[in-house]
Amino acid sequence: MRYMFLLMMLGFLGCKSIRIDNAQKKYFKKGIKQGKDYINYSFKITSDKEFIVKNISLENNPEKLEYFYKNEKGESSFQMMNPFPKGTYIFKFKTYTLGNFSKNEFLIFDYIINGKKLQKKTTIISDEIKHINK
C-alpha cells in the first residue's frame, strides 16, 4: 500500500514538468501612416524536462501564429529547438486581429514530454496600450 501511494505521488508530480507564467498582451498603435496596429503576446515557459513544442495557439482563433523565443541567456531564434532542453524560455508572437485586445483570451500550448502529448491552457492578461513612433 505504501509503495502504491509513492508511485501515485511520483506520477502526479511528473505532470507538473512545465509551468506557464506571465502570459500577457500589449496593444501597439502605429506611429506612422504606413504602419499597422498590432497586439504583441508573450509568455514564459519553465520546464524541468526536455520538451518539444507542437503548437502555440489562441483559443477560438484559427490564425496561424509565427512565434520566436528567447532563452535564459537572452539569445533569440525563430527556429524551434527539437527538443528544447530543460530551462526557462520566453515565447513571443504578434497578431493583427485587434478586436481581441479587450476580450479574455486563452493561450493553448501543445507539447510533448517523454513521447507523451500534453497541453497547457492559461489566461492571457491585457497589459497596456503603447504608442510607437518610428
N, C-alpha and C. Protein backbone atom coordinates (compact mmCIF):
# COMPACT_ATOMS: atom_id res chain seq x y z
N MET A 1 0.82 -1.20 0.00
CA MET A 1 0.00 0.00 0.00
C MET A 1 0.86 1.26 0.00
N ARG A 2 1.92 1.24 0.80
CA ARG A 2 2.80 2.40 0.88
C ARG A 2 3.47 2.66 -0.47
N TYR A 3 3.87 1.58 -1.16
CA TYR A 3 4.53 1.72 -2.45
C TYR A 3 3.56 2.24 -3.52
N MET A 4 2.33 1.80 -3.43
CA MET A 4 1.32 2.27 -4.38
C MET A 4 1.13 3.78 -4.22
N PHE A 5 1.05 4.26 -2.99
CA PHE A 5 0.90 5.70 -2.73
C PHE A 5 2.11 6.47 -3.26
N LEU A 6 3.31 5.94 -3.04
CA LEU A 6 4.53 6.59 -3.52
C LEU A 6 4.54 6.68 -5.04
N LEU A 7 4.16 5.61 -5.72
CA LEU A 7 4.11 5.63 -7.19
C LEU A 7 3.07 6.63 -7.70
N MET A 8 1.92 6.70 -7.04
CA MET A 8 0.90 7.67 -7.45
C MET A 8 1.41 9.09 -7.27
N MET A 9 2.08 9.38 -6.18
CA MET A 9 2.60 10.72 -5.93
C MET A 9 3.65 11.10 -6.97
N LEU A 10 4.53 10.16 -7.32
CA LEU A 10 5.54 10.44 -8.35
C LEU A 10 4.87 10.70 -9.69
N GLY A 11 3.80 9.98 -9.99
CA GLY A 11 3.07 10.20 -11.23
C GLY A 11 2.45 11.58 -11.28
N PHE A 12 1.85 12.03 -10.18
CA PHE A 12 1.25 13.37 -10.15
C PHE A 12 2.31 14.45 -10.23
N LEU A 13 3.42 14.27 -9.57
CA LEU A 13 4.49 15.27 -9.61
C LEU A 13 5.10 15.36 -11.00
N GLY A 14 5.15 14.25 -11.72
CA GLY A 14 5.71 14.23 -13.07
C GLY A 14 4.90 15.05 -14.04
N CYS A 15 3.61 15.26 -13.77
CA CYS A 15 2.74 16.03 -14.66
C CYS A 15 3.03 17.52 -14.59
N LYS A 16 3.73 17.98 -13.58
CA LYS A 16 3.97 19.40 -13.38
C LYS A 16 5.33 19.82 -13.93
N SER A 17 5.78 19.20 -15.02
CA SER A 17 7.12 19.48 -15.51
C SER A 17 7.22 20.78 -16.30
N ILE A 18 6.10 21.32 -16.77
CA ILE A 18 6.10 22.61 -17.49
C ILE A 18 5.17 23.57 -16.78
N ARG A 19 5.66 24.80 -16.63
CA ARG A 19 4.86 25.86 -16.00
C ARG A 19 4.82 27.06 -16.94
N ILE A 20 3.66 27.66 -17.10
CA ILE A 20 3.50 28.87 -17.91
C ILE A 20 3.26 30.03 -16.97
N ASP A 21 4.05 31.10 -17.13
CA ASP A 21 3.91 32.30 -16.30
C ASP A 21 3.85 33.53 -17.19
N ASN A 22 3.35 34.61 -16.64
CA ASN A 22 3.39 35.94 -17.26
C ASN A 22 2.83 35.98 -18.68
N ALA A 23 1.72 35.30 -18.93
CA ALA A 23 1.09 35.37 -20.24
C ALA A 23 0.37 36.72 -20.33
N GLN A 24 0.84 37.56 -21.25
CA GLN A 24 0.27 38.89 -21.35
C GLN A 24 0.24 39.37 -22.79
N LYS A 25 -0.55 40.41 -23.02
CA LYS A 25 -0.62 41.01 -24.34
C LYS A 25 -0.61 42.52 -24.21
N LYS A 26 0.01 43.16 -25.20
CA LYS A 26 0.08 44.62 -25.25
C LYS A 26 -0.37 45.07 -26.63
N TYR A 27 -1.13 46.14 -26.65
CA TYR A 27 -1.62 46.72 -27.90
C TYR A 27 -0.64 47.82 -28.32
N PHE A 28 -0.12 47.72 -29.54
CA PHE A 28 0.80 48.73 -30.06
C PHE A 28 0.10 49.50 -31.17
N LYS A 29 -0.01 50.82 -31.00
CA LYS A 29 -0.62 51.68 -32.00
C LYS A 29 0.48 52.24 -32.91
N LYS A 30 0.19 52.22 -34.20
CA LYS A 30 1.17 52.70 -35.18
C LYS A 30 1.54 54.15 -34.93
N GLY A 31 2.78 54.46 -35.26
CA GLY A 31 3.25 55.82 -35.08
C GLY A 31 3.43 56.54 -36.39
N ILE A 32 3.35 55.79 -37.49
CA ILE A 32 3.48 56.40 -38.81
C ILE A 32 2.33 55.93 -39.69
N LYS A 33 2.07 56.68 -40.75
CA LYS A 33 0.94 56.41 -41.62
C LYS A 33 0.98 55.01 -42.23
N GLN A 34 2.17 54.56 -42.62
CA GLN A 34 2.30 53.26 -43.28
C GLN A 34 2.30 52.09 -42.29
N GLY A 35 2.40 52.36 -41.02
CA GLY A 35 2.46 51.31 -40.01
C GLY A 35 1.12 50.64 -39.77
N LYS A 36 1.16 49.54 -39.03
CA LYS A 36 -0.06 48.81 -38.67
C LYS A 36 -0.12 48.64 -37.17
N ASP A 37 -1.31 48.77 -36.61
CA ASP A 37 -1.51 48.46 -35.20
C ASP A 37 -1.42 46.95 -35.05
N TYR A 38 -0.96 46.48 -33.89
CA TYR A 38 -0.88 45.04 -33.64
C TYR A 38 -0.92 44.77 -32.14
N ILE A 39 -1.17 43.51 -31.80
CA ILE A 39 -1.13 43.06 -30.41
C ILE A 39 0.06 42.13 -30.27
N ASN A 40 0.91 42.43 -29.30
CA ASN A 40 2.10 41.63 -29.02
C ASN A 40 1.81 40.73 -27.81
N TYR A 41 2.02 39.43 -27.96
CA TYR A 41 1.80 38.46 -26.89
C TYR A 41 3.13 37.92 -26.41
N SER A 42 3.24 37.64 -25.12
CA SER A 42 4.44 37.00 -24.59
C SER A 42 4.06 36.14 -23.39
N PHE A 43 4.83 35.08 -23.19
CA PHE A 43 4.65 34.22 -22.02
C PHE A 43 5.95 33.48 -21.74
N LYS A 44 6.09 33.07 -20.49
CA LYS A 44 7.31 32.40 -20.05
C LYS A 44 7.01 30.93 -19.77
N ILE A 45 7.87 30.06 -20.29
CA ILE A 45 7.78 28.61 -20.04
C ILE A 45 8.98 28.21 -19.21
N THR A 46 8.73 27.49 -18.13
CA THR A 46 9.80 26.91 -17.32
C THR A 46 9.56 25.40 -17.29
N SER A 47 10.60 24.64 -17.62
CA SER A 47 10.47 23.18 -17.66
C SER A 47 11.65 22.53 -16.97
N ASP A 48 11.37 21.47 -16.22
CA ASP A 48 12.44 20.72 -15.59
C ASP A 48 12.78 19.46 -16.38
N LYS A 49 12.20 19.35 -17.60
CA LYS A 49 12.47 18.24 -18.51
C LYS A 49 12.60 18.77 -19.92
N GLU A 50 13.24 17.99 -20.80
CA GLU A 50 13.26 18.33 -22.22
C GLU A 50 11.83 18.27 -22.75
N PHE A 51 11.51 19.15 -23.71
CA PHE A 51 10.17 19.15 -24.29
C PHE A 51 10.23 19.57 -25.75
N ILE A 52 9.21 19.17 -26.50
CA ILE A 52 9.07 19.54 -27.90
C ILE A 52 7.80 20.39 -28.03
N VAL A 53 7.90 21.54 -28.65
CA VAL A 53 6.73 22.40 -28.89
C VAL A 53 6.02 21.89 -30.14
N LYS A 54 4.75 21.52 -29.99
CA LYS A 54 3.95 21.08 -31.13
C LYS A 54 3.17 22.24 -31.73
N ASN A 55 2.58 23.07 -30.87
CA ASN A 55 1.79 24.18 -31.38
C ASN A 55 1.55 25.21 -30.28
N ILE A 56 1.48 26.46 -30.68
CA ILE A 56 1.07 27.55 -29.79
C ILE A 56 -0.08 28.24 -30.50
N SER A 57 -1.20 28.38 -29.79
CA SER A 57 -2.37 28.99 -30.42
C SER A 57 -3.19 29.76 -29.39
N LEU A 58 -4.13 30.52 -29.91
CA LEU A 58 -5.10 31.22 -29.07
C LEU A 58 -6.42 30.48 -29.21
N GLU A 59 -7.09 30.25 -28.08
CA GLU A 59 -8.35 29.52 -28.12
C GLU A 59 -9.35 30.25 -29.01
N ASN A 60 -10.07 29.52 -29.83
CA ASN A 60 -11.09 30.04 -30.75
C ASN A 60 -10.54 31.03 -31.76
N ASN A 61 -9.26 30.91 -32.10
CA ASN A 61 -8.65 31.77 -33.10
C ASN A 61 -7.88 30.88 -34.08
N PRO A 62 -8.36 30.74 -35.32
CA PRO A 62 -7.72 29.84 -36.28
C PRO A 62 -6.43 30.39 -36.89
N GLU A 63 -6.08 31.64 -36.58
CA GLU A 63 -4.91 32.27 -37.17
C GLU A 63 -3.63 31.48 -36.86
N LYS A 64 -2.82 31.21 -37.88
CA LYS A 64 -1.53 30.53 -37.70
C LYS A 64 -0.54 31.54 -37.14
N LEU A 65 0.02 31.23 -35.98
CA LEU A 65 0.92 32.16 -35.30
C LEU A 65 2.38 31.85 -35.63
N GLU A 66 3.14 32.89 -35.91
CA GLU A 66 4.57 32.74 -36.10
C GLU A 66 5.23 33.33 -34.87
N TYR A 67 5.90 32.48 -34.11
CA TYR A 67 6.45 32.89 -32.82
C TYR A 67 7.96 32.70 -32.79
N PHE A 68 8.59 33.36 -31.85
CA PHE A 68 10.00 33.16 -31.59
C PHE A 68 10.20 33.07 -30.10
N TYR A 69 11.38 32.70 -29.69
CA TYR A 69 11.65 32.54 -28.26
C TYR A 69 12.99 33.14 -27.90
N LYS A 70 13.15 33.42 -26.61
CA LYS A 70 14.42 33.82 -26.02
C LYS A 70 14.73 32.83 -24.91
N ASN A 71 16.00 32.45 -24.79
CA ASN A 71 16.37 31.57 -23.68
C ASN A 71 16.85 32.40 -22.50
N GLU A 72 17.31 31.72 -21.44
CA GLU A 72 17.75 32.42 -20.23
C GLU A 72 18.92 33.36 -20.49
N LYS A 73 19.72 33.08 -21.51
CA LYS A 73 20.87 33.92 -21.83
C LYS A 73 20.49 35.12 -22.69
N GLY A 74 19.22 35.20 -23.10
CA GLY A 74 18.76 36.31 -23.92
C GLY A 74 18.92 36.07 -25.41
N GLU A 75 19.39 34.89 -25.80
CA GLU A 75 19.54 34.56 -27.21
C GLU A 75 18.16 34.24 -27.77
N SER A 76 17.85 34.76 -28.96
CA SER A 76 16.53 34.53 -29.53
C SER A 76 16.64 33.84 -30.88
N SER A 77 15.53 33.19 -31.28
CA SER A 77 15.52 32.48 -32.54
C SER A 77 14.09 32.25 -33.00
N PHE A 78 13.90 32.18 -34.34
CA PHE A 78 12.63 31.78 -34.91
C PHE A 78 12.62 30.28 -35.16
N GLN A 79 13.81 29.65 -35.15
CA GLN A 79 13.90 28.21 -35.38
C GLN A 79 13.74 27.48 -34.06
N MET A 80 12.76 26.60 -34.01
CA MET A 80 12.48 25.88 -32.78
C MET A 80 13.51 24.76 -32.57
N MET A 81 13.96 24.65 -31.35
CA MET A 81 14.84 23.53 -31.00
C MET A 81 13.96 22.29 -30.89
N ASN A 82 14.55 21.15 -31.16
CA ASN A 82 13.79 19.91 -31.10
C ASN A 82 14.62 18.81 -30.49
N PRO A 83 14.55 18.52 -29.24
CA PRO A 83 13.70 19.13 -28.23
C PRO A 83 14.37 20.34 -27.59
N PHE A 84 13.56 21.10 -26.82
CA PHE A 84 14.11 22.18 -26.00
C PHE A 84 14.72 21.54 -24.76
N PRO A 85 15.95 21.92 -24.39
CA PRO A 85 16.49 21.43 -23.13
C PRO A 85 15.73 22.03 -21.95
N LYS A 86 15.79 21.39 -20.80
CA LYS A 86 15.11 21.95 -19.64
C LYS A 86 15.65 23.35 -19.38
N GLY A 87 14.79 24.23 -18.88
CA GLY A 87 15.19 25.61 -18.64
C GLY A 87 14.00 26.55 -18.74
N THR A 88 14.30 27.82 -18.89
CA THR A 88 13.28 28.87 -18.97
C THR A 88 13.38 29.57 -20.32
N TYR A 89 12.23 29.79 -20.94
CA TYR A 89 12.17 30.42 -22.26
C TYR A 89 11.02 31.43 -22.27
N ILE A 90 11.20 32.50 -23.01
CA ILE A 90 10.14 33.47 -23.22
C ILE A 90 9.74 33.38 -24.68
N PHE A 91 8.47 33.09 -24.94
CA PHE A 91 7.93 33.00 -26.29
C PHE A 91 7.16 34.27 -26.59
N LYS A 92 7.27 34.74 -27.85
CA LYS A 92 6.57 35.96 -28.26
C LYS A 92 5.99 35.76 -29.66
N PHE A 93 4.86 36.41 -29.90
CA PHE A 93 4.26 36.45 -31.23
C PHE A 93 3.34 37.67 -31.29
N LYS A 94 2.95 38.05 -32.51
CA LYS A 94 2.02 39.17 -32.64
C LYS A 94 0.92 38.81 -33.62
N THR A 95 -0.17 39.53 -33.47
CA THR A 95 -1.31 39.33 -34.36
C THR A 95 -1.90 40.70 -34.70
N TYR A 96 -2.53 40.75 -35.86
CA TYR A 96 -3.17 41.99 -36.30
C TYR A 96 -4.68 41.93 -36.09
N THR A 97 -5.17 40.90 -35.39
CA THR A 97 -6.58 40.77 -35.04
C THR A 97 -6.81 41.62 -33.79
N LEU A 98 -7.16 42.87 -34.00
CA LEU A 98 -7.17 43.86 -32.91
C LEU A 98 -8.40 43.79 -32.01
N GLY A 99 -9.48 43.23 -32.47
CA GLY A 99 -10.70 43.19 -31.69
C GLY A 99 -10.59 42.33 -30.43
N ASN A 100 -9.55 41.53 -30.34
CA ASN A 100 -9.40 40.63 -29.19
C ASN A 100 -8.70 41.25 -28.00
N PHE A 101 -8.20 42.47 -28.14
CA PHE A 101 -7.40 43.03 -27.05
C PHE A 101 -8.20 43.16 -25.75
N SER A 102 -9.43 43.62 -25.85
CA SER A 102 -10.22 43.84 -24.63
C SER A 102 -10.95 42.58 -24.17
N LYS A 103 -10.87 41.50 -24.95
CA LYS A 103 -11.55 40.25 -24.60
C LYS A 103 -10.63 39.35 -23.79
N ASN A 104 -11.24 38.49 -22.96
CA ASN A 104 -10.46 37.46 -22.29
C ASN A 104 -10.02 36.44 -23.32
N GLU A 105 -8.75 36.11 -23.32
CA GLU A 105 -8.21 35.12 -24.25
C GLU A 105 -7.45 34.06 -23.48
N PHE A 106 -7.35 32.89 -24.11
CA PHE A 106 -6.62 31.79 -23.50
C PHE A 106 -5.54 31.30 -24.46
N LEU A 107 -4.36 31.12 -23.92
CA LEU A 107 -3.23 30.59 -24.66
C LEU A 107 -3.27 29.07 -24.57
N ILE A 108 -3.10 28.38 -25.70
CA ILE A 108 -3.04 26.93 -25.73
C ILE A 108 -1.61 26.54 -26.13
N PHE A 109 -0.94 25.78 -25.28
CA PHE A 109 0.44 25.36 -25.51
C PHE A 109 0.45 23.83 -25.61
N ASP A 110 0.64 23.30 -26.83
CA ASP A 110 0.72 21.86 -27.05
C ASP A 110 2.18 21.45 -27.12
N TYR A 111 2.53 20.40 -26.38
CA TYR A 111 3.93 19.98 -26.31
C TYR A 111 4.02 18.48 -26.04
N ILE A 112 5.24 17.96 -26.16
CA ILE A 112 5.50 16.54 -25.92
C ILE A 112 6.63 16.42 -24.91
N ILE A 113 6.43 15.57 -23.91
CA ILE A 113 7.48 15.22 -22.95
C ILE A 113 7.50 13.70 -22.85
N ASN A 114 8.68 13.13 -23.02
CA ASN A 114 8.85 11.67 -22.94
C ASN A 114 7.87 10.93 -23.85
N GLY A 115 7.63 11.45 -25.06
CA GLY A 115 6.75 10.81 -26.02
C GLY A 115 5.27 10.98 -25.73
N LYS A 116 4.91 11.70 -24.68
CA LYS A 116 3.51 11.89 -24.30
C LYS A 116 3.03 13.28 -24.73
N LYS A 117 1.93 13.33 -25.51
CA LYS A 117 1.37 14.60 -25.95
C LYS A 117 0.60 15.23 -24.80
N LEU A 118 0.91 16.49 -24.53
CA LEU A 118 0.29 17.21 -23.41
C LEU A 118 -0.16 18.59 -23.88
N GLN A 119 -0.98 19.24 -23.05
CA GLN A 119 -1.46 20.58 -23.38
C GLN A 119 -1.63 21.39 -22.10
N LYS A 120 -1.22 22.65 -22.16
CA LYS A 120 -1.45 23.60 -21.07
C LYS A 120 -2.30 24.72 -21.62
N LYS A 121 -3.18 25.25 -20.78
CA LYS A 121 -4.04 26.36 -21.16
C LYS A 121 -3.96 27.39 -20.05
N THR A 122 -3.77 28.66 -20.43
CA THR A 122 -3.67 29.71 -19.42
C THR A 122 -4.33 30.98 -19.92
N THR A 123 -4.77 31.81 -19.01
CA THR A 123 -5.39 33.10 -19.33
C THR A 123 -4.32 34.11 -19.69
N ILE A 124 -4.61 34.93 -20.70
CA ILE A 124 -3.70 36.00 -21.11
C ILE A 124 -4.21 37.30 -20.52
N ILE A 125 -3.33 38.03 -19.86
CA ILE A 125 -3.66 39.29 -19.20
C ILE A 125 -3.42 40.46 -20.17
N SER A 126 -4.39 41.36 -20.31
CA SER A 126 -4.21 42.58 -21.11
C SER A 126 -3.37 43.55 -20.31
N ASP A 127 -2.29 44.02 -20.89
CA ASP A 127 -1.36 44.86 -20.15
C ASP A 127 -1.64 46.34 -20.36
N GLU A 128 -1.36 46.85 -21.55
CA GLU A 128 -1.50 48.29 -21.78
C GLU A 128 -1.50 48.58 -23.27
N ILE A 129 -1.80 49.82 -23.60
CA ILE A 129 -1.71 50.27 -24.99
C ILE A 129 -0.46 51.16 -25.09
N LYS A 130 0.36 50.87 -26.08
CA LYS A 130 1.58 51.67 -26.28
C LYS A 130 1.50 52.35 -27.64
N HIS A 131 1.94 53.57 -27.70
CA HIS A 131 2.04 54.31 -28.95
C HIS A 131 3.48 54.24 -29.41
N ILE A 132 3.69 53.81 -30.66
CA ILE A 132 5.05 53.71 -31.16
C ILE A 132 5.27 54.76 -32.23
N ASN A 133 6.37 55.44 -32.12
CA ASN A 133 6.75 56.47 -33.09
C ASN A 133 8.06 56.05 -33.73
N LYS A 134 8.02 55.83 -35.02
CA LYS A 134 9.23 55.43 -35.74
C LYS A 134 9.55 56.41 -36.82
